[in-house]
């Protein structure tokens, strides 16, 4: 197969860290084009708080393409992989939003307020095409509607190849789509082990310290010791179940510190390029 189409999956499967830019506003084409040439591994396009606009998303994704980079690499893999944070909370189970976002060509989804087995399982079913009968990974049965042309065109492959490759990693080891759920309330922290044990298809977890602090009555204090302790509780569960875990790097807990804690996905503000540079230099040393 050569290089994977999804750089984030490639890195996570190899046990390598992923540096994530969060967030670029859907429709801010100049910023998106600049970030497509940055040192991030992935970029989250924001639609949770910006509003859901699929046509603008299609345009934003086009600005993520760098033809020079693709030609130089000899691979269809984007250097900066586009993910999308969708508006509905996992418990809302809005399948059509998942379907239309994937149909636009996103390589992965960020799922706000993942806090239950039922919500996680519904997201997994919504993101999967129905699988062939008798295959080992048939369950959970996919429910995604078949309209692959836009996404296949964006990925640069045929609709038939898109069907084969647009499944969820690591549920399908060859899958090129990734679901990353955000644990951002106390219920999610309480249920994280149950979620990871029962739902195979959530490929990564992000400790959403902002909303988590609000749910704990701490008014957006991302670096409060109680918020940090809850995040480490989530990290421990992810380690036990072999699921990559991400966290926000900030002033007190910078990217290097997060890597030393064992977080594999480092979420940085898109302006935090200096912290990103220091972390990469530390890894090289």
Protein backbone atom coordinates (compact mmCIF):
# COMPACT_ATOMS: atom_id res chain seq x y z
CA UNK A 1 0.00 0.00 0.00
CA UNK A 2 2.99 2.34 0.50
CA UNK A 3 2.43 5.41 2.63
CA UNK A 4 -0.95 5.76 4.20
CA UNK A 5 -3.34 8.47 3.03
CA UNK A 6 -3.85 9.64 6.60
CA UNK A 7 -0.62 10.92 8.14
CA UNK A 8 -2.14 10.97 11.63
CA UNK A 9 -3.04 7.28 11.47
CA UNK A 10 0.44 6.51 10.10
CA UNK A 11 2.11 8.29 13.02
CA UNK A 12 -0.15 6.84 15.71
CA UNK A 13 0.20 3.30 14.34
CA UNK A 14 3.98 3.70 14.56
CA UNK A 15 3.79 5.00 18.13
CA UNK A 16 4.96 8.46 17.07
CA UNK A 17 3.62 11.75 18.48
CA UNK A 18 1.14 13.90 16.56
CA UNK A 19 1.16 17.69 16.77
CA UNK A 20 -2.31 19.09 16.22
CA UNK A 21 -3.23 22.68 15.39
CA UNK A 22 -6.50 23.77 16.99
CA UNK A 23 -8.47 25.37 15.61
CA UNK A 24 -8.75 27.01 12.18
CA UNK A 25 -12.08 28.65 11.53
CA UNK A 26 -14.03 27.11 8.66
CA UNK A 27 -13.96 29.64 5.82
CA UNK A 28 -10.80 31.50 6.91
CA UNK A 29 -9.08 30.53 3.69
CA UNK A 30 -5.90 32.59 4.09
CA UNK A 31 -5.20 31.16 7.54
CA UNK A 32 -5.97 27.63 6.38
CA UNK A 33 -3.67 27.92 3.36
CA UNK A 34 -0.83 29.17 5.57
CA UNK A 35 -1.34 26.38 8.12
CA UNK A 36 -1.32 23.78 5.33
CA UNK A 37 2.38 24.66 4.93
CA UNK A 38 3.12 24.63 8.66
CA UNK A 39 4.91 22.07 10.81
CA UNK A 40 1.67 20.66 12.26
CA UNK A 41 0.75 17.07 11.50
CA UNK A 42 -2.99 17.74 11.63
CA UNK A 43 -5.28 20.73 11.63
CA UNK A 44 -8.76 20.87 13.14
CA UNK A 45 -11.25 22.87 11.09
CA UNK A 46 -13.80 24.35 13.45
CA UNK A 47 -17.54 23.89 12.96
CA UNK A 48 -18.73 23.26 16.52
CA UNK A 49 -18.84 26.93 17.46
CA UNK A 50 -18.56 28.45 13.99
CA UNK A 51 -21.70 26.86 12.57
CA UNK A 52 -22.21 23.94 10.21
CA UNK A 53 -21.69 24.94 6.57
CA UNK A 54 -20.77 21.96 4.33
CA UNK A 55 -20.16 24.02 1.18
CA UNK A 56 -17.76 26.35 2.96
CA UNK A 57 -16.08 23.26 4.41
CA UNK A 58 -15.51 21.91 0.89
CA UNK A 59 -13.81 25.17 -0.03
CA UNK A 60 -11.73 25.16 3.17
CA UNK A 61 -10.52 21.64 2.44
CA UNK A 62 -9.35 22.72 -1.00
CA UNK A 63 -7.08 25.30 0.64
CA UNK A 64 -5.48 22.45 2.61
CA UNK A 65 -4.14 20.98 -0.64
CA UNK A 66 -0.59 21.90 -1.56
CA UNK A 67 0.08 20.52 -5.04
CA UNK A 68 3.79 21.25 -4.81
CA UNK A 69 4.10 19.26 -1.59
CA UNK A 70 2.09 16.36 -3.00
CA UNK A 71 4.21 16.28 -6.17
CA UNK A 72 7.48 16.47 -4.22
CA UNK A 73 6.47 13.70 -1.80
CA UNK A 74 5.31 11.30 -4.48
CA UNK A 75 2.37 10.44 -2.24
CA UNK A 76 -1.28 11.44 -1.98
CA UNK A 77 -0.83 11.91 1.76
CA UNK A 78 -1.36 15.55 2.85
CA UNK A 79 1.51 16.93 4.90
CA UNK A 80 -1.04 18.50 7.28
CA UNK A 81 -4.09 16.26 7.64
CA UNK A 82 -7.49 17.98 7.84
CA UNK A 83 -9.84 16.96 10.64
CA UNK A 84 -13.18 18.59 11.42
CA UNK A 85 -14.76 19.28 14.80
CA UNK A 86 -18.47 18.78 14.20
CA UNK A 87 -21.24 20.68 16.04
CA UNK A 88 -23.37 18.00 17.74
CA UNK A 89 -22.41 16.42 21.02
CA UNK A 90 -21.91 12.66 20.78
CA UNK A 91 -25.13 12.08 22.74
CA UNK A 92 -27.15 13.90 20.04
CA UNK A 93 -26.47 11.20 17.43
CA UNK A 94 -26.90 13.43 14.39
CA UNK A 95 -25.86 10.94 11.74
CA UNK A 96 -26.39 13.33 8.86
CA UNK A 97 -23.73 15.72 10.17
CA UNK A 98 -21.17 12.91 10.37
CA UNK A 99 -22.15 11.69 6.91
CA UNK A 100 -21.96 15.07 5.19
CA UNK A 101 -18.68 16.01 6.87
CA UNK A 102 -17.02 12.78 5.75
CA UNK A 103 -18.54 13.15 2.29
CA UNK A 104 -16.71 16.49 1.98
CA UNK A 105 -13.41 14.64 2.33
CA UNK A 106 -12.36 15.00 5.98
CA UNK A 107 -9.83 12.40 7.11
CA UNK A 108 -11.13 12.40 10.65
CA UNK A 109 -13.75 13.81 12.98
CA UNK A 110 -13.43 15.39 16.39
CA UNK A 111 -16.48 14.48 18.51
CA UNK A 112 -17.45 16.99 21.22
CA UNK A 113 -18.60 15.83 24.66
CA UNK A 114 -18.04 12.11 24.26
CA UNK A 115 -19.34 10.83 27.57
CA UNK A 116 -21.18 7.51 27.12
CA UNK A 117 -20.91 4.10 25.52
CA UNK A 118 -24.14 4.74 23.63
CA UNK A 119 -22.90 8.02 22.12
CA UNK A 120 -19.55 6.53 21.14
CA UNK A 121 -21.17 3.48 19.52
CA UNK A 122 -23.60 5.67 17.58
CA UNK A 123 -20.73 7.76 16.20
CA UNK A 124 -18.84 4.67 15.10
CA UNK A 125 -21.87 3.22 13.29
CA UNK A 126 -22.55 6.57 11.60
CA UNK A 127 -18.98 6.89 10.29
CA UNK A 128 -18.74 3.37 8.81
CA UNK A 129 -20.05 2.04 5.54
CA UNK A 130 -21.83 -1.32 5.89
CA UNK A 131 -19.12 -3.97 5.68
CA UNK A 132 -19.12 -7.14 3.60
CA UNK A 133 -20.86 -10.08 5.23
CA UNK A 134 -18.56 -12.45 7.05
CA UNK A 135 -15.63 -10.06 7.54
CA UNK A 136 -13.92 -10.08 10.91
CA UNK A 137 -14.68 -6.42 11.63
CA UNK A 138 -18.34 -6.42 10.56
CA UNK A 139 -19.45 -5.15 13.99
CA UNK A 140 -20.42 -2.54 14.82
CA UNK A 141 -22.52 -2.53 11.68
CA UNK A 142 -21.95 0.58 9.60
CA UNK A 143 -24.82 2.92 8.70
CA UNK A 144 -23.10 5.59 6.59
CA UNK A 145 -24.95 6.33 3.36
CA UNK A 146 -23.19 5.62 0.06
CA UNK A 147 -22.14 8.78 -1.79
CA UNK A 148 -18.35 8.57 -2.08
CA UNK A 149 -17.67 10.71 -5.16
CA UNK A 150 -16.80 14.01 -3.47
CA UNK A 151 -14.57 12.46 -0.82
CA UNK A 152 -12.92 10.08 -3.31
CA UNK A 153 -12.15 12.98 -5.64
CA UNK A 154 -10.63 14.94 -2.77
CA UNK A 155 -8.50 11.98 -1.65
CA UNK A 156 -7.42 11.37 -5.25
CA UNK A 157 -8.66 7.78 -5.48
CA UNK A 158 -11.55 5.93 -7.11
CA UNK A 159 -14.95 5.57 -5.36
CA UNK A 160 -14.34 1.82 -5.10
CA UNK A 161 -10.96 2.36 -3.46
CA UNK A 162 -12.49 4.98 -1.17
CA UNK A 163 -15.02 2.43 0.09
CA UNK A 164 -12.19 0.02 0.94
CA UNK A 165 -10.04 2.61 2.69
CA UNK A 166 -12.62 4.91 4.34
CA UNK A 167 -13.08 2.76 7.41
CA UNK A 168 -12.17 3.48 11.01
CA UNK A 169 -8.68 2.84 12.29
CA UNK A 170 -7.79 0.81 14.33
CA UNK A 171 -11.05 -1.15 14.16
CA UNK A 172 -9.98 -1.80 10.56
CA UNK A 173 -6.14 -1.88 10.61
CA UNK A 174 -6.13 -0.60 7.02
CA UNK A 175 -8.69 2.13 7.69
CA UNK A 176 -7.80 5.73 6.87
CA UNK A 177 -10.47 7.50 8.96
CA UNK A 178 -10.01 8.43 12.60
CA UNK A 179 -12.58 9.39 15.21
CA UNK A 180 -11.20 11.41 18.12
CA UNK A 181 -13.63 11.89 20.98
CA UNK A 182 -13.26 14.80 23.39
CA UNK A 183 -13.66 13.97 27.07
CA UNK A 184 -14.77 17.33 28.38
CA UNK A 185 -17.15 16.77 31.27
CA UNK A 186 -17.12 14.84 34.52
CA UNK A 187 -19.44 12.16 33.14
CA UNK A 188 -16.96 11.46 30.37
CA UNK A 189 -14.13 11.05 32.88
CA UNK A 190 -16.26 8.66 34.92
CA UNK A 191 -17.22 6.60 31.86
CA UNK A 192 -13.92 6.60 29.95
CA UNK A 193 -12.94 3.04 30.83
CA UNK A 194 -16.37 1.70 29.95
CA UNK A 195 -16.29 3.56 26.63
CA UNK A 196 -12.84 2.28 25.64
CA UNK A 197 -13.63 -1.27 26.73
CA UNK A 198 -16.95 -1.57 24.90
CA UNK A 199 -16.54 0.58 21.77
CA UNK A 200 -13.88 -0.42 19.26
CA UNK A 201 -13.76 2.35 16.70
CA UNK A 202 -12.88 5.44 18.70
CA UNK A 203 -9.28 5.81 17.53
CA UNK A 204 -8.12 8.55 19.89
CA UNK A 205 -9.20 10.59 22.89
CA UNK A 206 -8.61 14.28 23.57
CA UNK A 207 -8.80 15.63 27.13
CA UNK A 208 -10.82 18.81 26.57
CA UNK A 209 -9.59 20.75 29.57
CA UNK A 210 -11.59 23.91 28.83
CA UNK A 211 -15.10 22.48 28.99
CA UNK A 212 -13.93 19.96 31.56
CA UNK A 213 -12.97 22.79 33.90
CA UNK A 214 -16.37 24.41 33.38
CA UNK A 215 -18.17 21.13 34.17
CA UNK A 216 -16.14 20.98 37.39
CA UNK A 217 -17.20 24.50 38.38
CA UNK A 218 -13.75 25.96 37.69
CA UNK A 219 -14.79 28.54 35.08
CA UNK A 220 -12.33 27.81 32.30
CA UNK A 221 -9.22 27.33 34.46
CA UNK A 222 -7.58 24.82 32.09
CA UNK A 223 -4.49 24.32 34.27
CA UNK A 224 -6.23 23.93 37.64
CA UNK A 225 -4.76 20.96 39.57
CA UNK A 226 -8.14 19.22 39.71
CA UNK A 227 -8.56 19.51 35.94
CA UNK A 228 -5.04 18.18 35.44
CA UNK A 229 -5.77 15.25 37.76
CA UNK A 230 -8.92 14.39 35.81
CA UNK A 231 -6.95 14.54 32.57
CA UNK A 232 -4.33 12.18 33.92
CA UNK A 233 -7.13 9.80 34.93
CA UNK A 234 -8.26 9.77 31.29
CA UNK A 235 -4.65 9.30 30.11
CA UNK A 236 -4.21 6.29 32.41
CA UNK A 237 -7.35 4.66 30.98
CA UNK A 238 -6.17 5.28 27.42
CA UNK A 239 -2.79 3.71 28.19
CA UNK A 240 -4.47 0.64 29.68
CA UNK A 241 -6.60 0.15 26.56
CA UNK A 242 -3.91 1.12 24.04
CA UNK A 243 -5.76 4.19 22.73
CA UNK A 244 -3.74 7.33 21.86
CA UNK A 245 -4.57 10.25 24.12
CA UNK A 246 -4.23 13.97 23.45
CA UNK A 247 -4.07 17.06 25.62
CA UNK A 248 -3.79 20.80 25.23
CA UNK A 249 -0.31 22.24 25.67
CA UNK A 250 -0.27 25.65 27.31
CA UNK A 251 1.96 27.88 29.40
CA UNK A 252 2.30 25.69 32.49
CA UNK A 253 2.08 22.36 30.68
CA UNK A 254 3.91 22.90 27.41
CA UNK A 255 4.28 20.44 24.54
CA UNK A 256 7.51 18.90 25.87
CA UNK A 257 5.90 18.34 29.27
CA UNK A 258 2.83 16.71 27.69
CA UNK A 259 5.06 14.33 25.74
CA UNK A 260 6.91 13.37 28.93
CA UNK A 261 3.56 12.64 30.60
CA UNK A 262 2.77 10.14 27.87
CA UNK A 263 0.28 12.05 25.74
CA UNK A 264 0.69 11.06 22.09
CA UNK A 265 -1.40 13.86 20.54
CA UNK A 266 -0.30 17.36 21.49
CA UNK A 267 -3.01 19.96 20.84
CA UNK A 268 -1.62 23.45 20.32
CA UNK A 269 -3.16 26.77 19.47
CA UNK A 270 -2.47 27.45 15.81
CA UNK A 271 -0.39 30.46 16.90
CA UNK A 272 1.85 28.34 19.19
CA UNK A 273 4.50 27.56 16.57
CA UNK A 274 7.37 28.34 18.94
CA UNK A 275 6.20 25.68 21.40
CA UNK A 276 5.78 23.26 18.51
CA UNK A 277 9.33 23.97 17.34
CA UNK A 278 10.78 23.40 20.83
CA UNK A 279 8.95 20.09 21.15
CA UNK A 280 10.21 18.80 17.82
CA UNK A 281 13.77 19.86 18.67
CA UNK A 282 13.47 18.02 22.00
CA UNK A 283 12.35 14.86 20.20
CA UNK A 284 15.28 15.11 17.80
CA UNK A 285 17.72 15.45 20.69
